[in-house]
């Protein structure tokens, strides 16, 4: 399957990530159906795409987008609470967050949803997970399309950040990898192609950030310095744009 074969993209999850991914896709002329649990969630996602800080209306106001381009993009976007509406999509991108326990992502929920989608969506469709940490092969295991299953991790906010971690398993075919690379580039992103590894350790960005934050927290616990000291050391000493604790030592901002 090639980029031009993707006529309709289904997105699972209308949160910050799902909405941002949808915004990327409709700007490049792809029809998008976003699915979430309630109409309220879906309505909120539509409002964010239009009216948030990085929304289309702000882009029009700043002269970065025409009203015609905005209207054309929004005409390609629809929302649903019915998973059956995604059955004819050519690509499904999962952007499901965590649960009530405060976790950023919920692996059992993702496994349940992927098994459900595998039974509903046409067999030739490609499945991509936006997970930032879970082993892609584990998610693919519950489907009958391991060869067409891949990781596509965008960073938040997805419609602004440039990096995409494209993670292939041992089963992912070359054409599926190329499809996601081409799609990422068509969205103005820079994709890097990575090897999937077991252990739910994340990919390059979050593995390095986790190690940095672990060491930074140990420095604070040992009394070497404060969170502010650590931030200043890395921003002024190493020219990082932000330190490990841009929102304080208890924030989870390192995981996107």
C-alpha atoms as a PDB file:
ATOM      1  CA  UNK A   1       0.000   0.000   0.000  1.00  0.00           C
ATOM      2  CA  UNK A   2       1.278   3.458  -0.949  1.00  0.00           C
ATOM      3  CA  UNK A   3       0.438   6.921   0.306  1.00  0.00           C
ATOM      4  CA  UNK A   4      -1.892   7.596  -2.613  1.00  0.00           C
ATOM      5  CA  UNK A   5      -3.851   4.454  -1.682  1.00  0.00           C
ATOM      6  CA  UNK A   6      -4.824   5.949   1.672  1.00  0.00           C
ATOM      7  CA  UNK A   7      -8.213   7.524   1.043  1.00  0.00           C
ATOM      8  CA  UNK A   8      -9.595   7.403   4.583  1.00  0.00           C
ATOM      9  CA  UNK A   9      -7.838   7.348   7.963  1.00  0.00           C
ATOM     10  CA  UNK A  10      -9.543   6.177  11.135  1.00  0.00           C
ATOM     11  CA  UNK A  11      -8.242   7.579  14.420  1.00  0.00           C
ATOM     12  CA  UNK A  12      -8.965   5.890  17.739  1.00  0.00           C
ATOM     13  CA  UNK A  13      -9.130   8.529  20.438  1.00  0.00           C
ATOM     14  CA  UNK A  14     -10.223  12.173  20.250  1.00  0.00           C
ATOM     15  CA  UNK A  15      -7.917  13.478  22.942  1.00  0.00           C
ATOM     16  CA  UNK A  16      -4.968  15.817  22.541  1.00  0.00           C
ATOM     17  CA  UNK A  17      -2.987  13.347  20.438  1.00  0.00           C
ATOM     18  CA  UNK A  18      -5.865  12.020  18.355  1.00  0.00           C
ATOM     19  CA  UNK A  19      -7.090  15.514  17.554  1.00  0.00           C
ATOM     20  CA  UNK A  20      -3.595  16.695  16.637  1.00  0.00           C
ATOM     21  CA  UNK A  21      -3.053  13.724  14.343  1.00  0.00           C
ATOM     22  CA  UNK A  22      -6.394  14.358  12.687  1.00  0.00           C
ATOM     23  CA  UNK A  23      -5.428  17.981  12.148  1.00  0.00           C
ATOM     24  CA  UNK A  24      -2.255  16.885  10.346  1.00  0.00           C
ATOM     25  CA  UNK A  25      -4.090  14.454   8.092  1.00  0.00           C
ATOM     26  CA  UNK A  26      -6.950  16.652   6.940  1.00  0.00           C
ATOM     27  CA  UNK A  27      -4.543  19.452   6.050  1.00  0.00           C
ATOM     28  CA  UNK A  28      -3.007  17.134   3.452  1.00  0.00           C
ATOM     29  CA  UNK A  29      -6.336  16.205   1.909  1.00  0.00           C
ATOM     30  CA  UNK A  30      -7.027  12.902   3.646  1.00  0.00           C
ATOM     31  CA  UNK A  31     -10.512  12.008   4.827  1.00  0.00           C
ATOM     32  CA  UNK A  32     -10.466  11.315   8.574  1.00  0.00           C
ATOM     33  CA  UNK A  33     -12.937   9.637  10.928  1.00  0.00           C
ATOM     34  CA  UNK A  34     -12.170  10.061  14.636  1.00  0.00           C
ATOM     35  CA  UNK A  35     -13.794   7.681  17.074  1.00  0.00           C
ATOM     36  CA  UNK A  36     -14.229   8.143  20.811  1.00  0.00           C
ATOM     37  CA  UNK A  37     -16.675   7.095  23.513  1.00  0.00           C
ATOM     38  CA  UNK A  38     -19.023  10.100  23.715  1.00  0.00           C
ATOM     39  CA  UNK A  39     -20.315  12.917  21.561  1.00  0.00           C
ATOM     40  CA  UNK A  40     -19.069  15.367  24.195  1.00  0.00           C
ATOM     41  CA  UNK A  41     -15.478  14.200  23.768  1.00  0.00           C
ATOM     42  CA  UNK A  42     -15.796  14.393  20.006  1.00  0.00           C
ATOM     43  CA  UNK A  43     -17.326  17.875  20.096  1.00  0.00           C
ATOM     44  CA  UNK A  44     -14.500  19.077  22.326  1.00  0.00           C
ATOM     45  CA  UNK A  45     -11.917  17.704  19.881  1.00  0.00           C
ATOM     46  CA  UNK A  46     -13.557  19.531  16.983  1.00  0.00           C
ATOM     47  CA  UNK A  47     -13.525  22.761  18.995  1.00  0.00           C
ATOM     48  CA  UNK A  48      -9.827  22.356  19.822  1.00  0.00           C
ATOM     49  CA  UNK A  49      -8.923  21.792  16.172  1.00  0.00           C
ATOM     50  CA  UNK A  50     -10.736  24.983  15.256  1.00  0.00           C
ATOM     51  CA  UNK A  51     -10.221  27.306  18.189  1.00  0.00           C
ATOM     52  CA  UNK A  52      -7.240  26.264  20.314  1.00  0.00           C
ATOM     53  CA  UNK A  53      -3.878  28.045  20.337  1.00  0.00           C
ATOM     54  CA  UNK A  54      -2.667  26.004  17.359  1.00  0.00           C
ATOM     55  CA  UNK A  55      -6.109  25.650  15.788  1.00  0.00           C
ATOM     56  CA  UNK A  56      -7.214  26.547  12.294  1.00  0.00           C
ATOM     57  CA  UNK A  57      -9.029  29.740  13.258  1.00  0.00           C
ATOM     58  CA  UNK A  58      -5.875  31.095  14.896  1.00  0.00           C
ATOM     59  CA  UNK A  59      -3.931  30.195  11.751  1.00  0.00           C
ATOM     60  CA  UNK A  60      -6.453  32.115   9.649  1.00  0.00           C
ATOM     61  CA  UNK A  61      -6.233  35.072  12.019  1.00  0.00           C
ATOM     62  CA  UNK A  62      -2.438  35.127  11.681  1.00  0.00           C
ATOM     63  CA  UNK A  63      -2.586  34.823   7.898  1.00  0.00           C
ATOM     64  CA  UNK A  64      -0.989  31.366   7.880  1.00  0.00           C
ATOM     65  CA  UNK A  65      -4.106  29.698   6.456  1.00  0.00           C
ATOM     66  CA  UNK A  66      -6.955  30.869   4.276  1.00  0.00           C
ATOM     67  CA  UNK A  67     -10.580  30.478   5.245  1.00  0.00           C
ATOM     68  CA  UNK A  68     -11.060  28.346   2.146  1.00  0.00           C
ATOM     69  CA  UNK A  69      -8.241  25.979   3.169  1.00  0.00           C
ATOM     70  CA  UNK A  70      -9.691  25.734   6.675  1.00  0.00           C
ATOM     71  CA  UNK A  71     -13.158  24.913   5.370  1.00  0.00           C
ATOM     72  CA  UNK A  72     -11.791  22.337   2.913  1.00  0.00           C
ATOM     73  CA  UNK A  73      -9.845  20.613   5.689  1.00  0.00           C
ATOM     74  CA  UNK A  74     -12.774  20.576   8.118  1.00  0.00           C
ATOM     75  CA  UNK A  75     -15.034  19.122   5.424  1.00  0.00           C
ATOM     76  CA  UNK A  76     -12.782  16.039   5.442  1.00  0.00           C
ATOM     77  CA  UNK A  77     -13.205  15.496   9.187  1.00  0.00           C
ATOM     78  CA  UNK A  78     -15.947  13.543  10.918  1.00  0.00           C
ATOM     79  CA  UNK A  79     -16.453  12.073  14.378  1.00  0.00           C
ATOM     80  CA  UNK A  80     -18.248   8.978  15.575  1.00  0.00           C
ATOM     81  CA  UNK A  81     -18.883   6.873  18.652  1.00  0.00           C
ATOM     82  CA  UNK A  82     -19.511   3.755  16.543  1.00  0.00           C
ATOM     83  CA  UNK A  83     -16.470   1.604  15.758  1.00  0.00           C
ATOM     84  CA  UNK A  84     -18.285   0.097  12.761  1.00  0.00           C
ATOM     85  CA  UNK A  85     -17.903   3.446  10.993  1.00  0.00           C
ATOM     86  CA  UNK A  86     -14.162   2.734  10.683  1.00  0.00           C
ATOM     87  CA  UNK A  87     -14.541  -0.612   8.917  1.00  0.00           C
ATOM     88  CA  UNK A  88     -13.612   0.687   5.444  1.00  0.00           C
ATOM     89  CA  UNK A  89     -10.669   2.869   6.502  1.00  0.00           C
ATOM     90  CA  UNK A  90      -7.338   2.225   4.790  1.00  0.00           C
ATOM     91  CA  UNK A  91      -5.276   3.140   7.847  1.00  0.00           C
ATOM     92  CA  UNK A  92      -6.147   3.063  11.541  1.00  0.00           C
ATOM     93  CA  UNK A  93      -4.062   5.152  13.940  1.00  0.00           C
ATOM     94  CA  UNK A  94      -4.567   4.393  17.621  1.00  0.00           C
ATOM     95  CA  UNK A  95      -4.076   7.320  20.024  1.00  0.00           C
ATOM     96  CA  UNK A  96      -5.771   5.990  23.158  1.00  0.00           C
ATOM     97  CA  UNK A  97      -4.624   7.479  26.455  1.00  0.00           C
ATOM     98  CA  UNK A  98      -4.687   6.106  29.973  1.00  0.00           C
ATOM     99  CA  UNK A  99      -7.458   5.292  32.383  1.00  0.00           C
ATOM    100  CA  UNK A 100      -8.666   6.533  35.741  1.00  0.00           C
ATOM    101  CA  UNK A 101      -5.408   5.491  37.456  1.00  0.00           C
ATOM    102  CA  UNK A 102      -3.541   8.492  36.063  1.00  0.00           C
ATOM    103  CA  UNK A 103      -1.330   6.467  33.735  1.00  0.00           C
ATOM    104  CA  UNK A 104      -0.548   8.122  30.424  1.00  0.00           C
ATOM    105  CA  UNK A 105      -1.258   4.922  28.482  1.00  0.00           C
ATOM    106  CA  UNK A 106      -3.220   1.736  29.170  1.00  0.00           C
ATOM    107  CA  UNK A 107      -1.794  -1.362  27.512  1.00  0.00           C
ATOM    108  CA  UNK A 108      -4.656  -3.791  28.315  1.00  0.00           C
ATOM    109  CA  UNK A 109      -7.114  -1.301  26.842  1.00  0.00           C
ATOM    110  CA  UNK A 110      -5.042  -0.920  23.694  1.00  0.00           C
ATOM    111  CA  UNK A 111      -4.849  -4.706  23.293  1.00  0.00           C
ATOM    112  CA  UNK A 112      -8.609  -5.009  23.711  1.00  0.00           C
ATOM    113  CA  UNK A 113      -9.299  -2.280  21.165  1.00  0.00           C
ATOM    114  CA  UNK A 114      -6.842  -3.621  18.591  1.00  0.00           C
ATOM    115  CA  UNK A 115      -8.371  -7.101  18.783  1.00  0.00           C
ATOM    116  CA  UNK A 116     -11.784  -5.541  18.283  1.00  0.00           C
ATOM    117  CA  UNK A 117     -10.635  -3.429  15.343  1.00  0.00           C
ATOM    118  CA  UNK A 118      -8.942  -6.387  13.679  1.00  0.00           C
ATOM    119  CA  UNK A 119     -12.301  -8.136  13.489  1.00  0.00           C
ATOM    120  CA  UNK A 120     -14.071  -5.061  12.115  1.00  0.00           C
ATOM    121  CA  UNK A 121     -11.703  -3.251   9.745  1.00  0.00           C
ATOM    122  CA  UNK A 122     -11.013  -4.551   6.243  1.00  0.00           C
ATOM    123  CA  UNK A 123      -8.137  -7.018   6.104  1.00  0.00           C
ATOM    124  CA  UNK A 124      -5.870  -4.971   3.825  1.00  0.00           C
ATOM    125  CA  UNK A 125      -5.878  -1.926   6.122  1.00  0.00           C
ATOM    126  CA  UNK A 126      -2.715  -0.896   7.965  1.00  0.00           C
ATOM    127  CA  UNK A 127      -2.708  -0.516  11.761  1.00  0.00           C
ATOM    128  CA  UNK A 128      -0.450   2.045  13.465  1.00  0.00           C
ATOM    129  CA  UNK A 129      -0.124   2.765  17.180  1.00  0.00           C
ATOM    130  CA  UNK A 130       0.895   6.172  18.496  1.00  0.00           C
ATOM    131  CA  UNK A 131       2.094   4.581  21.739  1.00  0.00           C
ATOM    132  CA  UNK A 132       5.102   6.291  23.293  1.00  0.00           C
ATOM    133  CA  UNK A 133       6.295   3.283  25.277  1.00  0.00           C
ATOM    134  CA  UNK A 134       4.687  -0.103  24.574  1.00  0.00           C
ATOM    135  CA  UNK A 135       6.363  -2.803  22.489  1.00  0.00           C
ATOM    136  CA  UNK A 136       4.737  -2.751  19.070  1.00  0.00           C
ATOM    137  CA  UNK A 137       4.967  -6.528  18.573  1.00  0.00           C
ATOM    138  CA  UNK A 138       2.892  -7.049  21.715  1.00  0.00           C
ATOM    139  CA  UNK A 139       0.096  -4.889  20.314  1.00  0.00           C
ATOM    140  CA  UNK A 140       0.287  -6.588  16.928  1.00  0.00           C
ATOM    141  CA  UNK A 141       0.062 -10.005  18.554  1.00  0.00           C
ATOM    142  CA  UNK A 142      -3.698  -9.668  19.122  1.00  0.00           C
ATOM    143  CA  UNK A 143      -4.322  -9.072  15.408  1.00  0.00           C
ATOM    144  CA  UNK A 144      -4.129 -11.191  12.276  1.00  0.00           C
ATOM    145  CA  UNK A 145      -2.091  -8.545  10.421  1.00  0.00           C
ATOM    146  CA  UNK A 146       1.323  -8.486  12.093  1.00  0.00           C
ATOM    147  CA  UNK A 147       2.878  -7.656   8.734  1.00  0.00           C
ATOM    148  CA  UNK A 148       0.745  -4.496   8.489  1.00  0.00           C
ATOM    149  CA  UNK A 149       1.177  -3.328  12.079  1.00  0.00           C
ATOM    150  CA  UNK A 150       3.615  -0.533  12.967  1.00  0.00           C
ATOM    151  CA  UNK A 151       4.434   2.122  15.542  1.00  0.00           C
ATOM    152  CA  UNK A 152       3.856   5.771  14.592  1.00  0.00           C
ATOM    153  CA  UNK A 153       4.743   7.874  17.623  1.00  0.00           C
ATOM    154  CA  UNK A 154       4.160  11.590  17.204  1.00  0.00           C
ATOM    155  CA  UNK A 155       5.084  14.010  19.960  1.00  0.00           C
ATOM    156  CA  UNK A 156       2.666  16.423  21.596  1.00  0.00           C
ATOM    157  CA  UNK A 157       1.218  18.632  20.234  1.00  0.00           C
ATOM    158  CA  UNK A 158       1.124  16.358  17.205  1.00  0.00           C
ATOM    159  CA  UNK A 159       0.192  19.101  14.752  1.00  0.00           C
ATOM    160  CA  UNK A 160       3.254  21.153  15.789  1.00  0.00           C
ATOM    161  CA  UNK A 161       6.085  18.828  16.812  1.00  0.00           C
ATOM    162  CA  UNK A 162       8.215  17.552  13.924  1.00  0.00           C
ATOM    163  CA  UNK A 163       9.547  14.168  15.031  1.00  0.00           C
ATOM    164  CA  UNK A 164       7.857  10.845  14.270  1.00  0.00           C
ATOM    165  CA  UNK A 165       9.297   7.608  15.654  1.00  0.00           C
ATOM    166  CA  UNK A 166       8.375   4.943  13.095  1.00  0.00           C
ATOM    167  CA  UNK A 167       8.904   1.606  14.832  1.00  0.00           C
ATOM    168  CA  UNK A 168       8.868  -1.641  12.889  1.00  0.00           C
ATOM    169  CA  UNK A 169       8.635  -5.156  14.246  1.00  0.00           C
ATOM    170  CA  UNK A 170      10.277  -8.251  12.765  1.00  0.00           C
ATOM    171  CA  UNK A 171       7.033  -8.845  10.870  1.00  0.00           C
ATOM    172  CA  UNK A 172       6.336  -5.346   9.525  1.00  0.00           C
ATOM    173  CA  UNK A 173       6.800  -5.272   5.754  1.00  0.00           C
ATOM    174  CA  UNK A 174       8.992  -2.715   3.984  1.00  0.00           C
ATOM    175  CA  UNK A 175       6.059  -1.192   2.109  1.00  0.00           C
ATOM    176  CA  UNK A 176       4.218  -0.467   5.359  1.00  0.00           C
ATOM    177  CA  UNK A 177       7.318   1.209   6.790  1.00  0.00           C
ATOM    178  CA  UNK A 178       7.665   3.304   3.644  1.00  0.00           C
ATOM    179  CA  UNK A 179       3.986   4.224   3.779  1.00  0.00           C
ATOM    180  CA  UNK A 180       4.277   5.666   7.288  1.00  0.00           C
ATOM    181  CA  UNK A 181       7.551   7.413   6.440  1.00  0.00           C
ATOM    182  CA  UNK A 182       5.958   8.987   3.352  1.00  0.00           C
ATOM    183  CA  UNK A 183       2.857   9.999   5.270  1.00  0.00           C
ATOM    184  CA  UNK A 184       4.916  11.574   8.037  1.00  0.00           C
ATOM    185  CA  UNK A 185       6.889  13.572   5.496  1.00  0.00           C
ATOM    186  CA  UNK A 186       3.699  14.665   3.741  1.00  0.00           C
ATOM    187  CA  UNK A 187       2.621  16.128   7.085  1.00  0.00           C
ATOM    188  CA  UNK A 188       5.839  18.142   7.297  1.00  0.00           C
ATOM    189  CA  UNK A 189       7.374  15.784   9.865  1.00  0.00           C
ATOM    190  CA  UNK A 190      10.814  14.211  10.136  1.00  0.00           C
ATOM    191  CA  UNK A 191      10.486  10.431  10.576  1.00  0.00           C
ATOM    192  CA  UNK A 192      13.151   8.150  12.013  1.00  0.00           C
ATOM    193  CA  UNK A 193      12.802   4.394  11.487  1.00  0.00           C
ATOM    194  CA  UNK A 194      13.471   2.322  14.595  1.00  0.00           C
ATOM    195  CA  UNK A 195      13.665  -1.321  15.598  1.00  0.00           C
ATOM    196  CA  UNK A 196      11.042  -2.614  18.018  1.00  0.00           C
ATOM    197  CA  UNK A 197      12.384  -4.145  21.235  1.00  0.00           C
ATOM    198  CA  UNK A 198      10.632  -5.998  24.078  1.00  0.00           C
ATOM    199  CA  UNK A 199      10.085  -4.613  27.547  1.00  0.00           C
ATOM    200  CA  UNK A 200       7.762  -1.609  27.092  1.00  0.00           C
ATOM    201  CA  UNK A 201      10.742   0.736  27.527  1.00  0.00           C
ATOM    202  CA  UNK A 202       9.721   3.341  24.964  1.00  0.00           C
ATOM    203  CA  UNK A 203      11.658   4.378  21.899  1.00  0.00           C
ATOM    204  CA  UNK A 204      14.603   6.758  21.520  1.00  0.00           C
ATOM    205  CA  UNK A 205      13.117   9.986  22.849  1.00  0.00           C
ATOM    206  CA  UNK A 206      11.438   8.673  25.968  1.00  0.00           C
ATOM    207  CA  UNK A 207      14.152   6.164  26.853  1.00  0.00           C
ATOM    208  CA  UNK A 208      16.744   8.924  26.925  1.00  0.00           C
ATOM    209  CA  UNK A 209      14.429  11.334  28.745  1.00  0.00           C
ATOM    210  CA  UNK A 210      13.593   8.681  31.344  1.00  0.00           C
ATOM    211  CA  UNK A 211      17.299   8.162  32.031  1.00  0.00           C
ATOM    212  CA  UNK A 212      17.900  11.908  32.262  1.00  0.00           C
ATOM    213  CA  UNK A 213      15.015  12.457  34.675  1.00  0.00           C
ATOM    214  CA  UNK A 214      16.093   9.486  36.821  1.00  0.00           C
ATOM    215  CA  UNK A 215      19.588  10.911  37.221  1.00  0.00           C
ATOM    216  CA  UNK A 216      18.234  14.426  37.779  1.00  0.00           C
ATOM    217  CA  UNK A 217      15.897  13.207  40.539  1.00  0.00           C
ATOM    218  CA  UNK A 218      18.798  11.422  42.236  1.00  0.00           C
ATOM    219  CA  UNK A 219      20.760  14.689  42.230  1.00  0.00           C
ATOM    220  CA  UNK A 220      17.871  16.425  43.988  1.00  0.00           C
ATOM    221  CA  UNK A 221      17.392  13.596  46.498  1.00  0.00           C
ATOM    222  CA  UNK A 222      21.124  13.672  47.333  1.00  0.00           C
ATOM    223  CA  UNK A 223      20.906  17.392  47.968  1.00  0.00           C
ATOM    224  CA  UNK A 224      23.332  18.259  45.199  1.00  0.00           C
ATOM    225  CA  UNK A 225      20.968  20.897  43.841  1.00  0.00           C
ATOM    226  CA  UNK A 226      17.343  21.886  43.332  1.00  0.00           C
ATOM    227  CA  UNK A 227      15.112  21.258  40.311  1.00  0.00           C
ATOM    228  CA  UNK A 228      15.760  24.856  39.289  1.00  0.00           C
ATOM    229  CA  UNK A 229      19.508  24.274  39.537  1.00  0.00           C
ATOM    230  CA  UNK A 230      19.234  21.208  37.314  1.00  0.00           C
ATOM    231  CA  UNK A 231      17.197  23.112  34.738  1.00  0.00           C
ATOM    232  CA  UNK A 232      19.680  25.994  34.700  1.00  0.00           C
ATOM    233  CA  UNK A 233      22.643  23.639  34.415  1.00  0.00           C
ATOM    234  CA  UNK A 234      21.205  21.983  31.326  1.00  0.00           C
ATOM    235  CA  UNK A 235      19.790  25.086  29.631  1.00  0.00           C
ATOM    236  CA  UNK A 236      22.743  27.398  30.279  1.00  0.00           C
ATOM    237  CA  UNK A 237      25.518  24.826  30.389  1.00  0.00           C
ATOM    238  CA  UNK A 238      24.416  22.558  27.556  1.00  0.00           C
ATOM    239  CA  UNK A 239      22.058  24.853  25.625  1.00  0.00           C
ATOM    240  CA  UNK A 240      19.029  22.626  26.066  1.00  0.00           C
ATOM    241  CA  UNK A 241      15.841  24.541  25.188  1.00  0.00           C
ATOM    242  CA  UNK A 242      14.320  23.320  28.476  1.00  0.00           C
ATOM    243  CA  UNK A 243      15.588  21.442  31.493  1.00  0.00           C
ATOM    244  CA  UNK A 244      14.421  18.016  32.698  1.00  0.00           C
ATOM    245  CA  UNK A 245      11.872  19.694  35.004  1.00  0.00           C
ATOM    246  CA  UNK A 246      10.183  22.458  32.990  1.00  0.00           C
ATOM    247  CA  UNK A 247       7.040  22.013  35.113  1.00  0.00           C
ATOM    248  CA  UNK A 248       8.665  20.911  38.357  1.00  0.00           C
ATOM    249  CA  UNK A 249      10.233  17.609  39.538  1.00  0.00           C
ATOM    250  CA  UNK A 250       6.856  15.873  39.949  1.00  0.00           C
ATOM    251  CA  UNK A 251       5.660  16.661  36.432  1.00  0.00           C
ATOM    252  CA  UNK A 252       5.527  13.906  33.824  1.00  0.00           C
ATOM    253  CA  UNK A 253       6.437  16.193  30.950  1.00  0.00           C
ATOM    254  CA  UNK A 254       9.256  13.920  29.829  1.00  0.00           C
ATOM    255  CA  UNK A 255       6.707  11.403  28.543  1.00  0.00           C
ATOM    256  CA  UNK A 256       4.974  12.575  25.374  1.00  0.00           C
END
